[in-house]
Amino acid sequence: MGPNRQPSPLGQTKHRHDDIEDGTLARTASPHPSPVGTKAPAAPAKARSTVAKGACAYLNPRAGGTVTAPSEAFDRLRGKSGAAKVSSPETKDSYTWPDKSTSKAVQQEVEIDGQKIRVVRPTDDGAKGKNLPTTKELAEALRAIPADQRAHTSVIVVSPTPSPDKSASGTIAGEGGSGEIRLYPVTAAQAQNDFDNRLTHESGHNVQGQFWTGAGDVHDWQTAADADSSRPSPYAASTTGDDFSEFNVLFNAARGTACEATAKKIYPNRWAKMESYRSK
């Protein structure tokens, strides 16, 4: 599969979904040449008999925006990773950001259980007021991604300037693909849980290349998604790749917990497909 980059589940302007805060919505991506960007066909509405309750309520399909797993789920996942080692910052006098603008940057290396991930971010002055994650927040978000998924991400670029694909209709908060994650400025203040959810989603786009080597593999996932009675969020309908990445957040959060049985009832075919990937 050729290089592919998918947008983050953030960014539609607030006036289009007044019940969701700006900076937490999906933008509709233009078509991508890669199979990962295949437009997800709208599935007919089906009756849903299982409703998650209590601590598992995050599994219920969202009426708007994107999935949001709770901080407790990411804290549990972080407990399976060792502490992150962050190298001393190395200043670069000039770095070219995704929009082709240049400015000073800081480069560091985050090492978790032997895996090294390069982080490039603006200086503190360049990041001021842009609600971007610190290197420490990125390191903690990476610790919450299972090692077999984290292994497919090698670079994180935290840009002080908007995505070159930004339009008047929305803000792109991040993109993932080809082993790289890019994060962009957003208007709303962000917390660790926002970055945990976002990096898990974006890392999912990097993982897709392991399982999807052609259009047939993408079709197989979409067939499983269509067979379920619900989709995780409206953003999951954007592309087949985003359906995978949205569900990946729920799968990681619920797997091995008391919520797993409920997740299997709400998303039986997606869950079985994800399990089949891990058995290969």
C-alpha atoms as a PDB file:
ATOM      1  CA  MET A   1       0.000   0.000   0.000  1.00  0.00           C
ATOM      2  CA  GLY A   2       1.312   3.403  -0.870  1.00  0.00           C
ATOM      3  CA  PRO A   3       1.798   6.256   1.580  1.00  0.00           C
ATOM      4  CA  ASN A   4      -1.405   7.350   3.220  1.00  0.00           C
ATOM      5  CA  ARG A   5      -2.331   9.950   5.774  1.00  0.00           C
ATOM      6  CA  GLN A   6      -5.745  10.189   7.386  1.00  0.00           C
ATOM      7  CA  PRO A   7      -7.149  13.207   9.244  1.00  0.00           C
ATOM      8  CA  SER A   8      -7.818  13.160  12.931  1.00  0.00           C
ATOM      9  CA  PRO A   9     -11.330  12.862  14.361  1.00  0.00           C
ATOM     10  CA  LEU A  10     -11.459  16.552  15.170  1.00  0.00           C
ATOM     11  CA  GLY A  11     -12.452  19.715  13.563  1.00  0.00           C
ATOM     12  CA  GLN A  12     -15.895  20.461  12.139  1.00  0.00           C
ATOM     13  CA  THR A  13     -16.915  24.003  12.953  1.00  0.00           C
ATOM     14  CA  LYS A  14     -19.095  24.367  16.005  1.00  0.00           C
ATOM     15  CA  HIS A  15     -22.097  25.868  14.247  1.00  0.00           C
ATOM     16  CA  ARG A  16     -22.643  22.578  12.440  1.00  0.00           C
ATOM     17  CA  HIS A  17     -22.918  20.589  15.698  1.00  0.00           C
ATOM     18  CA  ASP A  18     -23.768  22.959  18.509  1.00  0.00           C
ATOM     19  CA  ASP A  19     -23.919  20.194  21.110  1.00  0.00           C
ATOM     20  CA  ILE A  20     -20.206  19.400  20.687  1.00  0.00           C
ATOM     21  CA  GLU A  21     -17.355  21.686  21.648  1.00  0.00           C
ATOM     22  CA  ASP A  22     -15.211  23.114  18.890  1.00  0.00           C
ATOM     23  CA  GLY A  23     -12.063  21.064  18.459  1.00  0.00           C
ATOM     24  CA  THR A  24     -13.698  17.732  19.221  1.00  0.00           C
ATOM     25  CA  LEU A  25     -15.373  16.939  15.913  1.00  0.00           C
ATOM     26  CA  ALA A  26     -14.520  15.191  12.719  1.00  0.00           C
ATOM     27  CA  ARG A  27     -13.891  16.884   9.438  1.00  0.00           C
ATOM     28  CA  THR A  28     -14.973  15.216   6.225  1.00  0.00           C
ATOM     29  CA  ALA A  29     -11.876  14.250   4.287  1.00  0.00           C
ATOM     30  CA  SER A  30     -11.525  14.561   0.559  1.00  0.00           C
ATOM     31  CA  PRO A  31     -10.987  11.188  -1.163  1.00  0.00           C
ATOM     32  CA  HIS A  32      -7.559   9.598  -0.776  1.00  0.00           C
ATOM     33  CA  PRO A  33      -5.873   7.449  -3.425  1.00  0.00           C
ATOM     34  CA  SER A  34      -5.108   4.690  -0.952  1.00  0.00           C
ATOM     35  CA  PRO A  35      -7.644   1.952  -0.136  1.00  0.00           C
ATOM     36  CA  VAL A  36      -7.521   3.132   3.502  1.00  0.00           C
ATOM     37  CA  GLY A  37      -9.357   6.241   2.386  1.00  0.00           C
ATOM     38  CA  THR A  38     -12.204   4.311   0.781  1.00  0.00           C
ATOM     39  CA  LYS A  39     -15.489   6.030   1.500  1.00  0.00           C
ATOM     40  CA  ALA A  40     -17.540   4.016   3.943  1.00  0.00           C
ATOM     41  CA  PRO A  41     -21.002   3.321   2.528  1.00  0.00           C
ATOM     42  CA  ALA A  42     -23.921   4.250   4.733  1.00  0.00           C
ATOM     43  CA  ALA A  43     -25.374   1.166   6.356  1.00  0.00           C
ATOM     44  CA  PRO A  44     -29.119   0.839   6.870  1.00  0.00           C
ATOM     45  CA  ALA A  45     -30.327   1.604  10.372  1.00  0.00           C
ATOM     46  CA  LYS A  46     -30.747  -1.461  12.565  1.00  0.00           C
ATOM     47  CA  ALA A  47     -32.251  -1.941  15.972  1.00  0.00           C
ATOM     48  CA  ARG A  48     -29.703  -2.053  18.810  1.00  0.00           C
ATOM     49  CA  SER A  49     -30.677  -4.237  21.759  1.00  0.00           C
ATOM     50  CA  THR A  50     -27.609  -3.806  23.999  1.00  0.00           C
ATOM     51  CA  VAL A  51     -26.990  -0.565  25.867  1.00  0.00           C
ATOM     52  CA  ALA A  52     -23.782  -0.171  27.851  1.00  0.00           C
ATOM     53  CA  LYS A  53     -24.236   1.235  31.350  1.00  0.00           C
ATOM     54  CA  GLY A  54     -22.119   2.613  34.167  1.00  0.00           C
ATOM     55  CA  ALA A  55     -18.373   2.489  33.596  1.00  0.00           C
ATOM     56  CA  CYS A  56     -18.950   0.885  30.198  1.00  0.00           C
ATOM     57  CA  ALA A  57     -21.216   3.645  28.855  1.00  0.00           C
ATOM     58  CA  TYR A  58     -18.407   5.019  26.676  1.00  0.00           C
ATOM     59  CA  LEU A  59     -19.036   2.023  24.382  1.00  0.00           C
ATOM     60  CA  ASN A  60     -22.439   3.312  23.320  1.00  0.00           C
ATOM     61  CA  PRO A  61     -22.486   4.793  19.804  1.00  0.00           C
ATOM     62  CA  ARG A  62     -22.001   8.538  19.933  1.00  0.00           C
ATOM     63  CA  ALA A  63     -24.774  10.766  18.584  1.00  0.00           C
ATOM     64  CA  GLY A  64     -22.190  13.309  17.446  1.00  0.00           C
ATOM     65  CA  GLY A  65     -18.456  13.742  17.151  1.00  0.00           C
ATOM     66  CA  THR A  66     -16.120  10.885  17.964  1.00  0.00           C
ATOM     67  CA  VAL A  67     -15.605   8.141  20.531  1.00  0.00           C
ATOM     68  CA  THR A  68     -14.054   9.130  23.829  1.00  0.00           C
ATOM     69  CA  ALA A  69     -12.705   6.449  26.120  1.00  0.00           C
ATOM     70  CA  PRO A  70     -12.319   7.492  29.780  1.00  0.00           C
ATOM     71  CA  SER A  71      -9.051   8.308  31.501  1.00  0.00           C
ATOM     72  CA  GLU A  72      -9.368   5.176  33.655  1.00  0.00           C
ATOM     73  CA  ALA A  73      -9.053   3.007  30.544  1.00  0.00           C
ATOM     74  CA  PHE A  74      -5.869   4.727  29.423  1.00  0.00           C
ATOM     75  CA  ASP A  75      -4.410   4.642  32.926  1.00  0.00           C
ATOM     76  CA  ARG A  76      -4.945   0.877  32.931  1.00  0.00           C
ATOM     77  CA  LEU A  77      -3.239   0.533  29.543  1.00  0.00           C
ATOM     78  CA  ARG A  78      -0.339   2.722  30.684  1.00  0.00           C
ATOM     79  CA  GLY A  79       0.203   0.289  33.522  1.00  0.00           C
ATOM     80  CA  LYS A  80       1.252  -2.323  30.946  1.00  0.00           C
ATOM     81  CA  SER A  81       4.083  -0.135  29.641  1.00  0.00           C
ATOM     82  CA  GLY A  82       7.329   0.836  31.242  1.00  0.00           C
ATOM     83  CA  ALA A  83       8.206   4.417  32.063  1.00  0.00           C
ATOM     84  CA  ALA A  84       9.013   6.676  29.131  1.00  0.00           C
ATOM     85  CA  LYS A  85      12.564   7.937  28.728  1.00  0.00           C
ATOM     86  CA  VAL A  86      12.712  11.344  27.049  1.00  0.00           C
ATOM     87  CA  SER A  87      15.990  12.616  25.625  1.00  0.00           C
ATOM     88  CA  SER A  88      17.295  16.124  26.148  1.00  0.00           C
ATOM     89  CA  PRO A  89      15.836  18.641  23.695  1.00  0.00           C
ATOM     90  CA  GLU A  90      17.820  19.405  20.568  1.00  0.00           C
ATOM     91  CA  THR A  91      17.066  22.785  19.007  1.00  0.00           C
ATOM     92  CA  LYS A  92      16.827  23.095  15.241  1.00  0.00           C
ATOM     93  CA  ASP A  93      17.254  26.597  13.834  1.00  0.00           C
ATOM     94  CA  SER A  94      14.903  25.843  10.945  1.00  0.00           C
ATOM     95  CA  TYR A  95      12.324  23.103  10.432  1.00  0.00           C
ATOM     96  CA  THR A  96       9.826  22.795   7.583  1.00  0.00           C
ATOM     97  CA  TRP A  97       6.323  22.119   8.899  1.00  0.00           C
ATOM     98  CA  PRO A  98       3.589  20.307   6.921  1.00  0.00           C
ATOM     99  CA  ASP A  99       2.293  23.591   5.458  1.00  0.00           C
ATOM    100  CA  LYS A 100       5.842  24.296   4.158  1.00  0.00           C
ATOM    101  CA  SER A 101       6.404  27.193   6.577  1.00  0.00           C
ATOM    102  CA  THR A 102       9.625  27.185   8.580  1.00  0.00           C
ATOM    103  CA  SER A 103      10.583  28.128  12.119  1.00  0.00           C
ATOM    104  CA  LYS A 104      12.702  26.942  15.023  1.00  0.00           C
ATOM    105  CA  ALA A 105      11.870  23.498  16.378  1.00  0.00           C
ATOM    106  CA  VAL A 106      12.795  21.169  19.202  1.00  0.00           C
ATOM    107  CA  GLN A 107      13.511  17.501  18.581  1.00  0.00           C
ATOM    108  CA  GLN A 108      13.449  14.789  21.238  1.00  0.00           C
ATOM    109  CA  GLU A 109      13.334  11.032  21.381  1.00  0.00           C
ATOM    110  CA  VAL A 110      10.807   9.135  23.458  1.00  0.00           C
ATOM    111  CA  GLU A 111      11.806   5.567  24.359  1.00  0.00           C
ATOM    112  CA  ILE A 112       9.270   3.116  25.758  1.00  0.00           C
ATOM    113  CA  ASP A 113      10.227  -0.499  26.397  1.00  0.00           C
ATOM    114  CA  GLY A 114      13.003  -0.332  23.827  1.00  0.00           C
ATOM    115  CA  GLN A 115      10.990   1.405  21.101  1.00  0.00           C
ATOM    116  CA  LYS A 116      12.174   4.864  20.096  1.00  0.00           C
ATOM    117  CA  ILE A 117       9.836   7.494  18.631  1.00  0.00           C
ATOM    118  CA  ARG A 118      11.091  10.825  17.343  1.00  0.00           C
ATOM    119  CA  VAL A 119       9.113  13.914  18.359  1.00  0.00           C
ATOM    120  CA  VAL A 120       9.466  17.246  16.571  1.00  0.00           C
ATOM    121  CA  ARG A 121       7.656  20.190  18.092  1.00  0.00           C
ATOM    122  CA  PRO A 122       7.847  23.987  18.102  1.00  0.00           C
ATOM    123  CA  THR A 123       9.684  25.952  20.766  1.00  0.00           C
ATOM    124  CA  ASP A 124       7.655  27.018  23.801  1.00  0.00           C
ATOM    125  CA  ASP A 125       7.146  30.435  22.244  1.00  0.00           C
ATOM    126  CA  GLY A 126       5.988  28.869  18.972  1.00  0.00           C
ATOM    127  CA  ALA A 127       3.500  26.613  20.765  1.00  0.00           C
ATOM    128  CA  LYS A 128       2.053  29.301  23.030  1.00  0.00           C
ATOM    129  CA  GLY A 129      -1.754  29.556  22.903  1.00  0.00           C
ATOM    130  CA  LYS A 130      -2.182  26.713  20.388  1.00  0.00           C
ATOM    131  CA  ASN A 131      -3.324  23.928  22.725  1.00  0.00           C
ATOM    132  CA  LEU A 132      -0.620  21.544  21.553  1.00  0.00           C
ATOM    133  CA  PRO A 133       0.653  18.634  23.669  1.00  0.00           C
ATOM    134  CA  THR A 134       3.963  18.773  25.488  1.00  0.00           C
ATOM    135  CA  THR A 135       6.500  16.039  24.882  1.00  0.00           C
ATOM    136  CA  LYS A 136       5.639  14.624  28.316  1.00  0.00           C
ATOM    137  CA  GLU A 137       1.930  14.457  27.413  1.00  0.00           C
ATOM    138  CA  LEU A 138       2.812  12.721  24.152  1.00  0.00           C
ATOM    139  CA  ALA A 139       4.984  10.221  25.999  1.00  0.00           C
ATOM    140  CA  GLU A 140       2.132   9.373  28.373  1.00  0.00           C
ATOM    141  CA  ALA A 141      -0.312   9.006  25.470  1.00  0.00           C
ATOM    142  CA  LEU A 142       2.126   6.689  23.702  1.00  0.00           C
ATOM    143  CA  ARG A 143       2.431   4.550  26.840  1.00  0.00           C
ATOM    144  CA  ALA A 144      -1.336   3.999  26.680  1.00  0.00           C
ATOM    145  CA  ILE A 145      -1.110   2.491  23.178  1.00  0.00           C
ATOM    146  CA  PRO A 146      -0.510  -1.293  23.255  1.00  0.00           C
ATOM    147  CA  ALA A 147       3.061  -2.130  22.256  1.00  0.00           C
ATOM    148  CA  ASP A 148       2.041  -4.098  19.148  1.00  0.00           C
ATOM    149  CA  GLN A 149       0.205  -1.022  17.858  1.00  0.00           C
ATOM    150  CA  ARG A 150       2.697   1.572  19.046  1.00  0.00           C
ATOM    151  CA  ALA A 151       5.405  -0.275  17.089  1.00  0.00           C
ATOM    152  CA  HIS A 152       3.929   1.070  13.850  1.00  0.00           C
ATOM    153  CA  THR A 153       4.477   4.728  14.780  1.00  0.00           C
ATOM    154  CA  SER A 154       7.983   6.137  14.450  1.00  0.00           C
ATOM    155  CA  VAL A 155       7.559   9.919  14.205  1.00  0.00           C
ATOM    156  CA  ILE A 156       5.258  12.514  15.763  1.00  0.00           C
ATOM    157  CA  VAL A 157       5.250  16.041  14.353  1.00  0.00           C
ATOM    158  CA  VAL A 158       3.556  18.678  16.495  1.00  0.00           C
ATOM    159  CA  SER A 159       2.973  21.553  14.109  1.00  0.00           C
ATOM    160  CA  PRO A 160       2.544  25.172  15.263  1.00  0.00           C
ATOM    161  CA  THR A 161       0.717  25.924  12.004  1.00  0.00           C
ATOM    162  CA  PRO A 162      -2.567  24.495  10.675  1.00  0.00           C
ATOM    163  CA  SER A 163      -2.731  21.561   8.312  1.00  0.00           C
ATOM    164  CA  PRO A 164      -2.265  22.553   4.669  1.00  0.00           C
ATOM    165  CA  ASP A 165      -5.638  20.906   4.060  1.00  0.00           C
ATOM    166  CA  LYS A 166      -7.409  23.255   6.463  1.00  0.00           C
ATOM    167  CA  SER A 167     -10.482  24.902   4.967  1.00  0.00           C
ATOM    168  CA  ALA A 168     -13.034  27.473   6.029  1.00  0.00           C
ATOM    169  CA  SER A 169     -15.408  24.662   7.020  1.00  0.00           C
ATOM    170  CA  GLY A 170     -13.243  23.019   9.628  1.00  0.00           C
ATOM    171  CA  THR A 171      -9.999  22.510  11.526  1.00  0.00           C
ATOM    172  CA  ILE A 172      -7.864  19.404  11.219  1.00  0.00           C
ATOM    173  CA  ALA A 173      -6.418  18.487  14.608  1.00  0.00           C
ATOM    174  CA  GLY A 174      -4.285  15.591  13.451  1.00  0.00           C
ATOM    175  CA  GLU A 175      -3.406  13.065  10.783  1.00  0.00           C
ATOM    176  CA  GLY A 176      -1.986   9.574  10.810  1.00  0.00           C
ATOM    177  CA  GLY A 177      -0.446   7.260   8.241  1.00  0.00           C
ATOM    178  CA  SER A 178       2.798   5.758   6.967  1.00  0.00           C
ATOM    179  CA  GLY A 179       4.235   5.536  10.481  1.00  0.00           C
ATOM    180  CA  GLU A 180       3.803   9.226  11.222  1.00  0.00           C
ATOM    181  CA  ILE A 181       1.372  11.188  13.386  1.00  0.00           C
ATOM    182  CA  ARG A 182       0.874  14.914  12.863  1.00  0.00           C
ATOM    183  CA  LEU A 183      -0.907  17.113  15.396  1.00  0.00           C
ATOM    184  CA  TYR A 184      -2.116  20.650  14.718  1.00  0.00           C
ATOM    185  CA  PRO A 185      -3.349  23.648  16.766  1.00  0.00           C
ATOM    186  CA  VAL A 186      -6.940  23.600  18.039  1.00  0.00           C
ATOM    187  CA  THR A 187      -9.048  26.313  19.614  1.00  0.00           C
ATOM    188  CA  ALA A 188     -10.239  24.417  22.709  1.00  0.00           C
ATOM    189  CA  ALA A 189      -8.011  23.675  25.703  1.00  0.00           C
ATOM    190  CA  GLN A 190      -6.834  20.052  25.759  1.00  0.00           C
ATOM    191  CA  ALA A 191      -6.156  17.605  28.579  1.00  0.00           C
ATOM    192  CA  GLN A 192      -4.226  14.329  28.772  1.00  0.00           C
ATOM    193  CA  ASN A 193      -7.367  12.334  27.993  1.00  0.00           C
ATOM    194  CA  ASP A 194      -7.849  14.285  24.742  1.00  0.00           C
ATOM    195  CA  PHE A 195      -4.334  13.374  23.637  1.00  0.00           C
ATOM    196  CA  ASP A 196      -4.767   9.764  24.779  1.00  0.00           C
ATOM    197  CA  ASN A 197      -7.846   9.359  22.585  1.00  0.00           C
ATOM    198  CA  ARG A 198      -6.356  11.238  19.652  1.00  0.00           C
ATOM    199  CA  LEU A 199      -3.049   9.372  19.504  1.00  0.00           C
ATOM    200  CA  THR A 200      -4.833   6.037  19.846  1.00  0.00           C
ATOM    201  CA  HIS A 201      -7.036   6.946  16.888  1.00  0.00           C
ATOM    202  CA  GLU A 202      -4.133   8.217  14.781  1.00  0.00           C
ATOM    203  CA  SER A 203      -1.922   5.237  15.599  1.00  0.00           C
ATOM    204  CA  GLY A 204      -4.764   3.087  14.290  1.00  0.00           C
ATOM    205  CA  HIS A 205      -4.162   4.536  10.820  1.00  0.00           C
ATOM    206  CA  ASN A 206      -0.532   3.451  11.081  1.00  0.00           C
ATOM    207  CA  VAL A 207      -1.602  -0.039  12.165  1.00  0.00           C
ATOM    208  CA  GLN A 208      -3.998  -0.466   9.229  1.00  0.00           C
ATOM    209  CA  GLY A 209      -1.141  -1.037   6.813  1.00  0.00           C
ATOM    210  CA  GLN A 210      -0.221  -4.210   8.707  1.00  0.00           C
ATOM    211  CA  PHE A 211      -3.625  -5.777   8.031  1.00  0.00           C
ATOM    212  CA  TRP A 212      -4.778  -4.047   4.846  1.00  0.00           C
ATOM    213  CA  THR A 213      -2.570  -4.758   1.868  1.00  0.00           C
ATOM    214  CA  GLY A 214      -5.220  -4.244  -0.785  1.00  0.00           C
ATOM    215  CA  ALA A 215      -8.770  -3.157  -1.510  1.00  0.00           C
ATOM    216  CA  GLY A 216     -10.088  -6.602  -0.604  1.00  0.00           C
ATOM    217  CA  ASP A 217      -8.859  -6.266   2.974  1.00  0.00           C
ATOM    218  CA  VAL A 218     -10.519  -2.864   3.293  1.00  0.00           C
ATOM    219  CA  HIS A 219     -13.737  -4.329   1.894  1.00  0.00           C
ATOM    220  CA  ASP A 220     -13.617  -7.156   4.430  1.00  0.00           C
ATOM    221  CA  TRP A 221     -13.467  -4.669   7.314  1.00  0.00           C
ATOM    222  CA  GLN A 222     -16.337  -2.640   5.870  1.00  0.00           C
ATOM    223  CA  THR A 223     -18.399  -5.804   5.482  1.00  0.00           C
ATOM    224  CA  ALA A 224     -17.878  -6.563   9.169  1.00  0.00           C
ATOM    225  CA  ALA A 225     -18.741  -2.978  10.107  1.00  0.00           C
ATOM    226  CA  ASP A 226     -21.929  -3.046   8.046  1.00  0.00           C
ATOM    227  CA  ALA A 227     -22.980  -6.286   9.723  1.00  0.00           C
ATOM    228  CA  ASP A 228     -22.975  -4.638  13.146  1.00  0.00           C
ATOM    229  CA  SER A 229     -26.128  -2.899  14.297  1.00  0.00           C
ATOM    230  CA  SER A 230     -24.271   0.294  15.246  1.00  0.00           C
ATOM    231  CA  ARG A 231     -21.257   2.401  14.344  1.00  0.00           C
ATOM    232  CA  PRO A 232     -19.036   3.851  17.086  1.00  0.00           C
ATOM    233  CA  SER A 233     -19.573   7.484  16.071  1.00  0.00           C
ATOM    234  CA  PRO A 234     -20.683   9.657  13.149  1.00  0.00           C
ATOM    235  CA  TYR A 235     -17.023  10.142  12.268  1.00  0.00           C
ATOM    236  CA  ALA A 236     -16.663   6.394  11.804  1.00  0.00           C
ATOM    237  CA  ALA A 237     -18.784   6.775   8.658  1.00  0.00           C
ATOM    238  CA  SER A 238     -16.250   9.166   7.090  1.00  0.00           C
ATOM    239  CA  THR A 239     -14.045   6.407   5.650  1.00  0.00           C
ATOM    240  CA  THR A 240     -13.482   2.735   6.249  1.00  0.00           C
ATOM    241  CA  GLY A 241     -10.115   3.655   7.742  1.00  0.00           C
ATOM    242  CA  ASP A 242     -11.725   5.996  10.247  1.00  0.00           C
ATOM    243  CA  ASP A 243     -14.267   3.333  11.207  1.00  0.00           C
ATOM    244  CA  PHE A 244     -11.313   1.088  12.054  1.00  0.00           C
ATOM    245  CA  SER A 245      -9.498   3.801  14.027  1.00  0.00           C
ATOM    246  CA  GLU A 246     -12.618   4.832  15.959  1.00  0.00           C
ATOM    247  CA  PHE A 247     -13.354   1.243  16.889  1.00  0.00           C
ATOM    248  CA  ASN A 248      -9.696   0.694  17.759  1.00  0.00           C
ATOM    249  CA  VAL A 249     -10.058   3.183  20.628  1.00  0.00           C
ATOM    250  CA  LEU A 250     -12.995   1.203  22.039  1.00  0.00           C
ATOM    251  CA  PHE A 251     -11.297  -2.145  21.460  1.00  0.00           C
ATOM    252  CA  ASN A 252      -8.171  -1.127  23.347  1.00  0.00           C
ATOM    253  CA  ALA A 253     -10.181   0.388  26.195  1.00  0.00           C
ATOM    254  CA  ALA A 254     -12.527  -2.576  26.698  1.00  0.00           C
ATOM    255  CA  ARG A 255     -10.368  -5.584  25.915  1.00  0.00           C
ATOM    256  CA  GLY A 256      -9.579  -7.640  28.998  1.00  0.00           C
ATOM    257  CA  THR A 257     -12.001  -5.708  31.220  1.00  0.00           C
ATOM    258  CA  ALA A 258     -15.531  -6.229  32.513  1.00  0.00           C
ATOM    259  CA  CYS A 259     -16.725  -4.105  29.567  1.00  0.00           C
ATOM    260  CA  GLU A 260     -15.461  -6.560  26.943  1.00  0.00           C
ATOM    261  CA  ALA A 261     -18.605  -8.705  26.949  1.00  0.00           C
ATOM    262  CA  THR A 262     -20.783  -5.644  26.376  1.00  0.00           C
ATOM    263  CA  ALA A 263     -18.516  -4.395  23.586  1.00  0.00           C
ATOM    264  CA  LYS A 264     -18.817  -7.753  21.849  1.00  0.00           C
ATOM    265  CA  LYS A 265     -22.595  -7.503  21.952  1.00  0.00           C
ATOM    266  CA  ILE A 266     -22.704  -3.968  20.518  1.00  0.00           C
ATOM    267  CA  TYR A 267     -19.980  -4.523  17.896  1.00  0.00           C
ATOM    268  CA  PRO A 268     -19.780  -8.320  17.432  1.00  0.00           C
ATOM    269  CA  ASN A 269     -18.457  -8.353  13.875  1.00  0.00           C
ATOM    270  CA  ARG A 270     -15.894  -5.586  14.299  1.00  0.00           C
ATOM    271  CA  TRP A 271     -14.671  -7.231  17.496  1.00  0.00           C
ATOM    272  CA  ALA A 272     -14.292 -10.634  15.813  1.00  0.00           C
ATOM    273  CA  LYS A 273     -12.437  -9.047  12.896  1.00  0.00           C
ATOM    274  CA  MET A 274     -10.048  -7.196  15.196  1.00  0.00           C
ATOM    275  CA  GLU A 275      -9.378 -10.393  17.140  1.00  0.00           C
ATOM    276  CA  SER A 276      -8.665 -12.224  13.898  1.00  0.00           C
ATOM    277  CA  TYR A 277      -5.991  -9.659  13.044  1.00  0.00           C
ATOM    278  CA  ARG A 278      -4.251 -10.303  16.338  1.00  0.00           C
ATOM    279  CA  SER A 279      -4.262 -14.064  15.833  1.00  0.00           C
ATOM    280  CA  LYS A 280      -2.186 -13.799  12.659  1.00  0.00           C
END
